Amino acid sequence: MENLDCAVIGAGVVGLAIARKLAMHGREVVILEAEDAFGTHTSARNSEVIHAGIYYASGSMKAQLCVAGRKALYPYCAEHDVKHQRIGKVIVACDESEVAGLMKYKAQAEANGVDDLRMLAPAELAAMEPNVRCVAGFLSPSTGIIDSHGLMLSYLGEAENHGAMLALSSPVLGGRVESDGIVLDVGGKEPMTVKCRTVVISAGLNAPAVARSIAGIPAATIPPTFYAIGHYYTLTTKSPFKRLIYPVARPDWLGVHVTIDLGGRVKFGPDFEWIDRVDYRFDERREASFYKAIRHYYPGLQDGTLQPGYTGIRPRITGPGEPVQDFTFHDASVHGVPGLMALYGIESPGLTSSLAIADYVFQKL
């Protein structure tokens, strides 16, 4: 059995950020990834948006880490040549019934420390985004877009430059807590058993399952697993928008918003549906409901201009009818296992928050 200083389980954007942070501070890090490439699940199937921190409950880990992460991410991208653009986002109320919700968003954002929002007069809205139908809106200038794969490459490169190693096709099959460390049974072409001084479970969709496979982590501390799929449609025509467009959420439509990637392609999504397993198949029966939802704020959408894009799955630890769970971090004060940090429910804004999450985990360890 080989002895390791630190194992990070999961090579998504958050796991790579944590591995980078630990390696840069002198820890010997091995990143264990079950797939044959890094960042193949949640980190690769999202909107690639740098979020400002508008929607999250005040005082929540999502709010705190999103704002801190966004403030760290822009200079990081500039310094490390990660492609990104501070494109801005307009949040709009499409009719008078939505104005109260719009103002609630603005108040929430300001409570979270987002201090650069600007209300837009109707004439200014029309000049900025002439194809959007709305009665009111505000601008979030610090919202942006990013090349998520490029960001992960940068994190991995820095981690490896400081001695970290990435082990692909290396699923954690089980393990046990011992008095002097945490033993992990690692599968793959060359199975091995390792004893680790520190283990960070950053396995996204599979984090609770990985924790349940390690004997000695109290079952009562491990949250349940839920999956929520979101579909994205792409626009086949030239973008009618200059910025991201987010309408006020309503219970009678899908809530799909506009994102634009670095190549200028427009994506609409995501919608939301609970599923019982990880399955990325695209349900094209959703097309009609997407057209209806989008035309709520973009009435100029022409028939036949949407095409199926991709799906993503949110790693949820609370289910239907329950409040959305905050980012959840379990250290020894929760589960009683020295050297173990388990991350659960790291969905959006995980990418934006990744540097701040890494700082938080490092401080806790």
Protein backbone atom coordinates (compact mmCIF):
# COMPACT_ATOMS: atom_id res chain seq x y z
CA MET A 1 0.00 0.00 0.00
CA GLU A 2 1.36 3.36 -1.07
CA ASN A 3 1.26 6.41 1.20
CA LEU A 4 0.01 9.72 -0.20
CA ASP A 5 -0.01 13.15 1.33
CA CYS A 6 -3.19 14.41 -0.31
CA ALA A 7 -5.76 12.93 -2.70
CA VAL A 8 -8.31 15.13 -4.44
CA ILE A 9 -11.16 13.00 -5.77
CA GLY A 10 -12.61 14.61 -8.88
CA ALA A 11 -10.98 16.62 -11.67
CA GLY A 12 -13.73 19.09 -12.42
CA VAL A 13 -13.09 22.81 -12.24
CA VAL A 14 -13.46 22.88 -8.45
CA GLY A 15 -11.31 19.82 -7.82
CA LEU A 16 -8.58 21.22 -10.07
CA ALA A 17 -8.72 24.60 -8.33
CA ILE A 18 -8.36 22.89 -4.95
CA ALA A 19 -5.47 20.71 -6.19
CA ARG A 20 -3.73 23.84 -7.54
CA LYS A 21 -4.13 25.66 -4.23
CA LEU A 22 -2.84 22.74 -2.16
CA ALA A 23 0.12 22.07 -4.50
CA MET A 24 1.11 25.74 -4.54
CA HIS A 25 1.33 25.57 -0.74
CA GLY A 26 3.67 22.62 -0.73
CA ARG A 27 1.28 19.68 -0.47
CA GLU A 28 1.98 16.55 -2.52
CA VAL A 29 -1.26 16.10 -4.43
CA VAL A 30 -2.69 13.31 -6.56
CA ILE A 31 -5.95 14.03 -8.39
CA LEU A 32 -8.07 10.89 -8.83
CA GLU A 33 -10.51 11.12 -11.75
CA ALA A 34 -12.86 8.29 -12.69
CA GLU A 35 -13.27 9.39 -16.33
CA ASP A 36 -10.63 9.30 -19.06
CA ALA A 37 -10.44 13.11 -19.21
CA PHE A 38 -10.83 15.96 -16.75
CA GLY A 39 -13.95 18.10 -16.47
CA THR A 40 -16.35 15.89 -18.43
CA HIS A 41 -19.53 16.34 -16.38
CA THR A 42 -20.89 19.50 -14.70
CA SER A 43 -17.77 21.53 -15.50
CA ALA A 44 -18.20 20.95 -19.24
CA ARG A 45 -21.99 21.16 -19.42
CA ASN A 46 -22.97 24.60 -18.18
CA SER A 47 -23.55 28.15 -19.40
CA GLU A 48 -19.87 29.18 -19.06
CA VAL A 49 -20.99 32.35 -17.30
CA ILE A 50 -18.97 34.34 -14.78
CA HIS A 51 -21.76 35.19 -12.37
CA ALA A 52 -21.86 38.46 -10.45
CA GLY A 53 -23.60 36.99 -7.36
CA ILE A 54 -27.11 38.35 -7.83
CA TYR A 55 -29.59 35.61 -6.98
CA TYR A 56 -28.18 33.76 -3.99
CA ALA A 57 -29.48 34.07 -0.45
CA SER A 58 -27.66 36.71 1.58
CA GLY A 59 -25.07 35.20 3.86
CA SER A 60 -25.09 31.87 2.01
CA MET A 61 -21.88 30.18 0.93
CA LYS A 62 -23.05 30.56 -2.67
CA ALA A 63 -23.37 34.32 -2.28
CA GLN A 64 -20.10 34.78 -0.43
CA LEU A 65 -17.99 32.51 -2.61
CA CYS A 66 -19.52 33.68 -5.88
CA VAL A 67 -18.71 37.33 -5.20
CA ALA A 68 -15.23 36.52 -3.92
CA GLY A 69 -14.64 34.06 -6.74
CA ARG A 70 -15.74 36.49 -9.42
CA LYS A 71 -13.44 39.18 -8.05
CA ALA A 72 -10.54 36.71 -8.18
CA LEU A 73 -11.42 35.12 -11.51
CA TYR A 74 -11.18 38.15 -13.80
CA PRO A 75 -7.59 39.02 -12.84
CA TYR A 76 -6.68 35.32 -12.91
CA CYS A 77 -7.94 34.98 -16.47
CA ALA A 78 -6.11 38.13 -17.56
CA GLU A 79 -2.86 36.98 -15.97
CA HIS A 80 -3.05 33.42 -17.31
CA ASP A 81 -4.45 34.16 -20.78
CA VAL A 82 -7.71 32.29 -20.18
CA LYS A 83 -10.21 33.46 -22.78
CA HIS A 84 -13.05 35.44 -21.27
CA GLN A 85 -15.14 38.53 -21.88
CA ARG A 86 -16.80 40.90 -19.44
CA ILE A 87 -19.86 41.03 -21.67
CA GLY A 88 -22.44 42.18 -19.11
CA LYS A 89 -25.95 40.98 -18.43
CA VAL A 90 -29.32 42.71 -18.60
CA ILE A 91 -32.03 41.41 -16.28
CA VAL A 92 -35.46 42.37 -17.55
CA ALA A 93 -39.09 42.49 -16.51
CA CYS A 94 -41.22 41.74 -19.55
CA ASP A 95 -44.42 43.23 -18.14
CA GLU A 96 -45.53 45.26 -15.14
CA SER A 97 -46.33 42.16 -13.09
CA GLU A 98 -42.61 41.27 -13.06
CA VAL A 99 -41.22 44.64 -11.94
CA ALA A 100 -41.48 43.78 -8.24
CA GLY A 101 -39.49 40.60 -8.88
CA LEU A 102 -36.89 42.59 -10.79
CA MET A 103 -36.43 44.99 -7.89
CA LYS A 104 -36.18 42.07 -5.49
CA TYR A 105 -33.28 40.71 -7.54
CA LYS A 106 -31.53 44.08 -7.39
CA ALA A 107 -31.96 44.35 -3.64
CA GLN A 108 -30.72 40.79 -3.17
CA ALA A 109 -27.64 41.46 -5.28
CA GLU A 110 -26.77 44.61 -3.38
CA ALA A 111 -27.16 42.77 -0.08
CA ASN A 112 -24.64 40.25 -1.44
CA GLY A 113 -22.08 42.97 -2.16
CA VAL A 114 -22.75 43.37 -5.88
CA ASP A 115 -22.27 47.13 -6.01
CA ASP A 116 -22.17 47.97 -9.72
CA LEU A 117 -25.75 47.35 -10.88
CA ARG A 118 -27.43 50.13 -12.84
CA MET A 119 -31.12 50.63 -13.55
CA LEU A 120 -31.85 51.29 -17.21
CA ALA A 121 -34.47 53.69 -18.53
CA PRO A 122 -36.81 52.21 -21.16
CA ALA A 123 -35.18 54.23 -23.95
CA GLU A 124 -31.72 53.07 -22.88
CA LEU A 125 -32.89 49.46 -22.72
CA ALA A 126 -34.32 49.74 -26.22
CA ALA A 127 -31.07 51.22 -27.52
CA MET A 128 -28.89 48.61 -25.82
CA GLU A 129 -30.96 45.53 -26.72
CA PRO A 130 -33.52 46.52 -29.38
CA ASN A 131 -34.71 42.94 -29.92
CA VAL A 132 -35.72 42.41 -26.28
CA ARG A 133 -39.31 43.13 -25.25
CA CYS A 134 -39.41 44.46 -21.70
CA VAL A 135 -40.76 47.28 -19.53
CA ALA A 136 -37.84 47.58 -17.09
CA GLY A 137 -34.38 46.22 -16.47
CA PHE A 138 -30.98 46.69 -14.92
CA LEU A 139 -27.43 46.10 -16.11
CA SER A 140 -24.92 43.82 -14.38
CA PRO A 141 -21.63 44.95 -15.93
CA SER A 142 -19.48 42.44 -14.02
CA THR A 143 -21.24 39.37 -15.46
CA GLY A 144 -19.09 37.68 -18.08
CA ILE A 145 -18.39 34.57 -20.14
CA ILE A 146 -15.40 32.24 -20.02
CA ASP A 147 -13.74 29.30 -21.74
CA SER A 148 -14.32 26.70 -19.03
CA HIS A 149 -11.99 24.14 -20.63
CA GLY A 150 -9.24 26.74 -20.87
CA LEU A 151 -9.72 27.60 -17.21
CA MET A 152 -9.43 23.96 -16.20
CA LEU A 153 -6.30 23.55 -18.35
CA SER A 154 -4.78 26.54 -16.57
CA TYR A 155 -5.62 25.21 -13.10
CA LEU A 156 -4.23 21.78 -14.00
CA GLY A 157 -1.08 23.24 -15.51
CA GLU A 158 -0.33 25.27 -12.40
CA ALA A 159 -1.07 22.30 -10.16
CA GLU A 160 1.27 20.07 -12.18
CA ASN A 161 3.97 22.76 -12.23
CA HIS A 162 3.92 22.53 -8.43
CA GLY A 163 4.20 18.76 -8.40
CA ALA A 164 0.58 17.58 -8.52
CA MET A 165 -0.27 14.49 -10.56
CA LEU A 166 -3.50 13.71 -12.43
CA ALA A 167 -4.56 10.07 -12.51
CA LEU A 168 -7.28 9.54 -15.13
CA SER A 169 -9.48 6.44 -15.36
CA SER A 170 -8.88 6.01 -11.64
CA PRO A 171 -12.24 5.64 -9.91
CA VAL A 172 -12.37 5.42 -6.13
CA LEU A 173 -14.14 2.12 -5.50
CA GLY A 174 -14.17 2.28 -1.72
CA GLY A 175 -12.05 2.81 1.30
CA ARG A 176 -11.93 3.05 5.05
CA VAL A 177 -10.96 5.45 7.78
CA GLU A 178 -8.02 4.31 9.91
CA SER A 179 -6.38 5.90 12.93
CA ASP A 180 -3.46 7.25 10.91
CA GLY A 181 -5.10 8.13 7.61
CA ILE A 182 -7.77 7.38 5.04
CA VAL A 183 -7.34 4.32 2.84
CA LEU A 184 -8.69 4.47 -0.71
CA ASP A 185 -9.17 1.54 -3.07
CA VAL A 186 -8.60 2.90 -6.58
CA GLY A 187 -9.71 1.00 -9.68
CA GLY A 188 -8.76 1.28 -13.32
CA LYS A 189 -6.22 -0.55 -15.46
CA GLU A 190 -3.72 -0.57 -12.62
CA PRO A 191 -5.73 -0.88 -9.39
CA MET A 192 -4.03 0.31 -6.24
CA THR A 193 -4.65 0.94 -2.58
CA VAL A 194 -3.34 4.16 -1.06
CA LYS A 195 -3.31 5.62 2.42
CA CYS A 196 -3.80 9.37 2.47
CA ARG A 197 -3.10 11.99 5.11
CA THR A 198 -5.70 14.27 3.51
CA VAL A 199 -8.64 13.49 1.22
CA VAL A 200 -10.82 16.04 -0.54
CA ILE A 201 -14.01 14.66 -2.08
CA SER A 202 -14.83 17.01 -4.95
CA ALA A 203 -16.65 14.48 -7.12
CA GLY A 204 -19.63 16.58 -8.17
CA LEU A 205 -22.53 14.36 -9.16
CA ASN A 206 -20.89 11.38 -7.45
CA ALA A 207 -19.69 13.04 -4.24
CA PRO A 208 -22.27 11.44 -1.90
CA ALA A 209 -21.71 8.02 -3.51
CA VAL A 210 -17.95 8.30 -3.04
CA ALA A 211 -18.44 9.28 0.61
CA ARG A 212 -20.81 6.36 1.17
CA SER A 213 -18.18 3.96 -0.21
CA ILE A 214 -15.64 4.91 2.48
CA ALA A 215 -16.23 3.00 5.71
CA GLY A 216 -15.93 5.21 8.75
CA ILE A 217 -17.61 8.31 7.35
CA PRO A 218 -20.83 8.44 9.41
CA ALA A 219 -23.77 7.72 7.10
CA ALA A 220 -25.89 10.34 8.84
CA THR A 221 -23.50 13.08 7.64
CA ILE A 222 -23.73 12.11 3.96
CA PRO A 223 -26.55 13.87 2.08
CA PRO A 224 -28.82 12.12 -0.41
CA THR A 225 -28.30 12.43 -4.14
CA PHE A 226 -30.67 14.15 -6.57
CA TYR A 227 -30.18 15.03 -10.21
CA ALA A 228 -31.76 17.90 -12.15
CA ILE A 229 -31.24 18.07 -15.91
CA GLY A 230 -31.25 21.25 -17.97
CA HIS A 231 -31.48 21.50 -21.77
CA TYR A 232 -29.80 24.15 -23.92
CA TYR A 233 -30.95 25.07 -27.42
CA THR A 234 -28.71 27.04 -29.78
CA LEU A 235 -29.73 29.74 -32.25
CA THR A 236 -28.82 29.06 -35.88
CA THR A 237 -28.90 32.73 -36.89
CA LYS A 238 -26.62 35.65 -36.03
CA SER A 239 -26.98 36.85 -32.45
CA PRO A 240 -29.70 39.49 -31.98
CA PHE A 241 -28.23 40.31 -28.56
CA LYS A 242 -25.08 42.11 -27.41
CA ARG A 243 -25.25 40.90 -23.81
CA LEU A 244 -26.62 38.07 -21.74
CA ILE A 245 -30.38 38.43 -21.18
CA TYR A 246 -32.02 37.07 -18.02
CA PRO A 247 -35.77 37.52 -17.62
CA VAL A 248 -37.44 37.54 -14.22
CA ALA A 249 -38.38 33.97 -13.29
CA ARG A 250 -42.05 33.05 -13.44
CA PRO A 251 -43.84 29.85 -12.38
CA ASP A 252 -45.70 29.55 -15.70
CA TRP A 253 -42.71 29.31 -18.06
CA LEU A 254 -39.34 27.65 -18.23
CA GLY A 255 -37.16 30.56 -17.18
CA VAL A 256 -34.66 29.97 -19.98
CA HIS A 257 -32.25 32.82 -20.47
CA VAL A 258 -29.81 34.00 -23.13
CA THR A 259 -26.12 33.25 -22.94
CA ILE A 260 -23.55 33.95 -25.62
CA ASP A 261 -20.34 31.96 -25.95
CA LEU A 262 -16.94 33.37 -26.86
CA GLY A 263 -17.56 32.47 -30.50
CA GLY A 264 -20.71 34.61 -30.56
CA ARG A 265 -23.15 31.70 -30.60
CA VAL A 266 -26.41 32.23 -28.72
CA LYS A 267 -27.63 29.56 -26.30
CA PHE A 268 -31.03 29.47 -24.63
CA GLY A 269 -31.38 27.56 -21.37
CA PRO A 270 -31.32 25.77 -19.13
CA ASP A 271 -34.75 24.45 -18.29
CA PHE A 272 -35.19 22.21 -15.25
CA GLU A 273 -36.41 18.65 -14.73
CA TRP A 274 -35.77 16.09 -12.00
CA ILE A 275 -34.31 12.79 -13.21
CA ASP A 276 -33.36 9.62 -11.35
CA ARG A 277 -29.93 8.91 -12.89
CA VAL A 278 -27.11 10.56 -14.84
CA ASP A 279 -28.39 10.54 -18.42
CA TYR A 280 -27.39 13.31 -20.83
CA ARG A 281 -29.76 12.39 -23.66
CA PHE A 282 -31.50 15.39 -25.23
CA ASP A 283 -35.31 15.45 -25.15
CA GLU A 284 -36.28 17.19 -28.39
CA ARG A 285 -39.94 17.22 -27.35
CA ARG A 286 -39.08 20.37 -25.39
CA GLU A 287 -38.72 22.48 -28.52
CA ALA A 288 -42.23 23.96 -28.55
CA SER A 289 -42.02 25.00 -24.90
CA PHE A 290 -38.65 26.65 -25.53
CA TYR A 291 -40.07 28.71 -28.40
CA LYS A 292 -42.92 29.86 -26.16
CA ALA A 293 -40.65 30.75 -23.25
CA ILE A 294 -38.12 32.64 -25.39
CA ARG A 295 -40.78 34.65 -27.21
CA HIS A 296 -41.87 36.02 -23.84
CA TYR A 297 -38.89 38.41 -24.11
CA TYR A 298 -37.70 37.87 -27.70
CA PRO A 299 -40.84 37.96 -29.85
CA GLY A 300 -38.77 38.10 -33.04
CA LEU A 301 -37.65 34.48 -32.70
CA GLN A 302 -38.41 32.80 -36.03
CA ASP A 303 -39.69 29.26 -36.43
CA GLY A 304 -36.99 26.76 -37.32
CA THR A 305 -34.07 28.75 -35.87
CA LEU A 306 -33.54 26.67 -32.72
CA GLN A 307 -31.50 23.48 -32.75
CA PRO A 308 -30.73 21.07 -29.92
CA GLY A 309 -27.52 21.98 -28.12
CA TYR A 310 -26.57 19.95 -25.08
CA THR A 311 -27.70 19.05 -21.58
CA GLY A 312 -26.19 19.48 -18.14
CA ILE A 313 -27.03 17.94 -14.79
CA ARG A 314 -27.00 19.80 -11.49
CA PRO A 315 -25.63 17.86 -8.49
CA ARG A 316 -28.40 18.46 -5.98
CA ILE A 317 -28.57 17.22 -2.39
CA THR A 318 -32.13 18.40 -1.80
CA GLY A 319 -35.06 17.12 -3.83
CA PRO A 320 -38.39 18.22 -5.25
CA GLY A 321 -40.34 20.56 -2.99
CA GLU A 322 -37.36 21.23 -0.71
CA PRO A 323 -35.34 24.46 -0.48
CA VAL A 324 -32.30 24.53 -2.78
CA GLN A 325 -29.31 23.46 -0.71
CA ASP A 326 -26.37 25.80 -0.28
CA PHE A 327 -22.81 24.77 -1.11
CA THR A 328 -22.02 22.24 1.62
CA PHE A 329 -18.57 21.59 3.10
CA HIS A 330 -18.05 18.83 5.64
CA ASP A 331 -14.82 18.77 7.61
CA ALA A 332 -13.93 16.92 10.81
CA SER A 333 -16.22 19.16 12.84
CA VAL A 334 -19.15 17.51 11.00
CA HIS A 335 -18.09 13.91 10.35
CA GLY A 336 -15.26 13.47 12.88
CA VAL A 337 -12.70 12.23 10.35
CA PRO A 338 -9.38 14.11 10.56
CA GLY A 339 -7.99 15.13 7.19
CA LEU A 340 -11.24 14.70 5.26
CA MET A 341 -13.07 17.49 3.44
CA ALA A 342 -16.20 16.54 1.52
CA LEU A 343 -17.92 18.95 -0.89
CA TYR A 344 -21.59 18.39 -1.70
CA GLY A 345 -24.09 20.18 -3.90
CA ILE A 346 -21.49 22.21 -5.79
CA GLU A 347 -23.62 23.36 -8.70
CA SER A 348 -23.82 26.85 -10.22
CA PRO A 349 -22.07 29.18 -9.40
CA GLY A 350 -19.32 26.61 -8.78
CA LEU A 351 -17.23 27.62 -11.79
CA THR A 352 -17.31 31.31 -10.86
CA SER A 353 -16.60 30.44 -7.23
CA SER A 354 -13.81 27.95 -7.92
CA LEU A 355 -10.85 30.03 -6.74
CA ALA A 356 -12.74 31.15 -3.63
CA ILE A 357 -13.86 27.56 -2.90
CA ALA A 358 -10.23 26.46 -3.14
CA ASP A 359 -9.19 29.17 -0.70
CA TYR A 360 -11.97 28.14 1.70
CA VAL A 361 -11.07 24.44 1.58
CA PHE A 362 -7.39 25.21 2.05
CA GLN A 363 -8.13 27.33 5.13
CA LYS A 364 -10.35 24.60 6.60
CA LEU A 365 -7.70 21.96 6.06
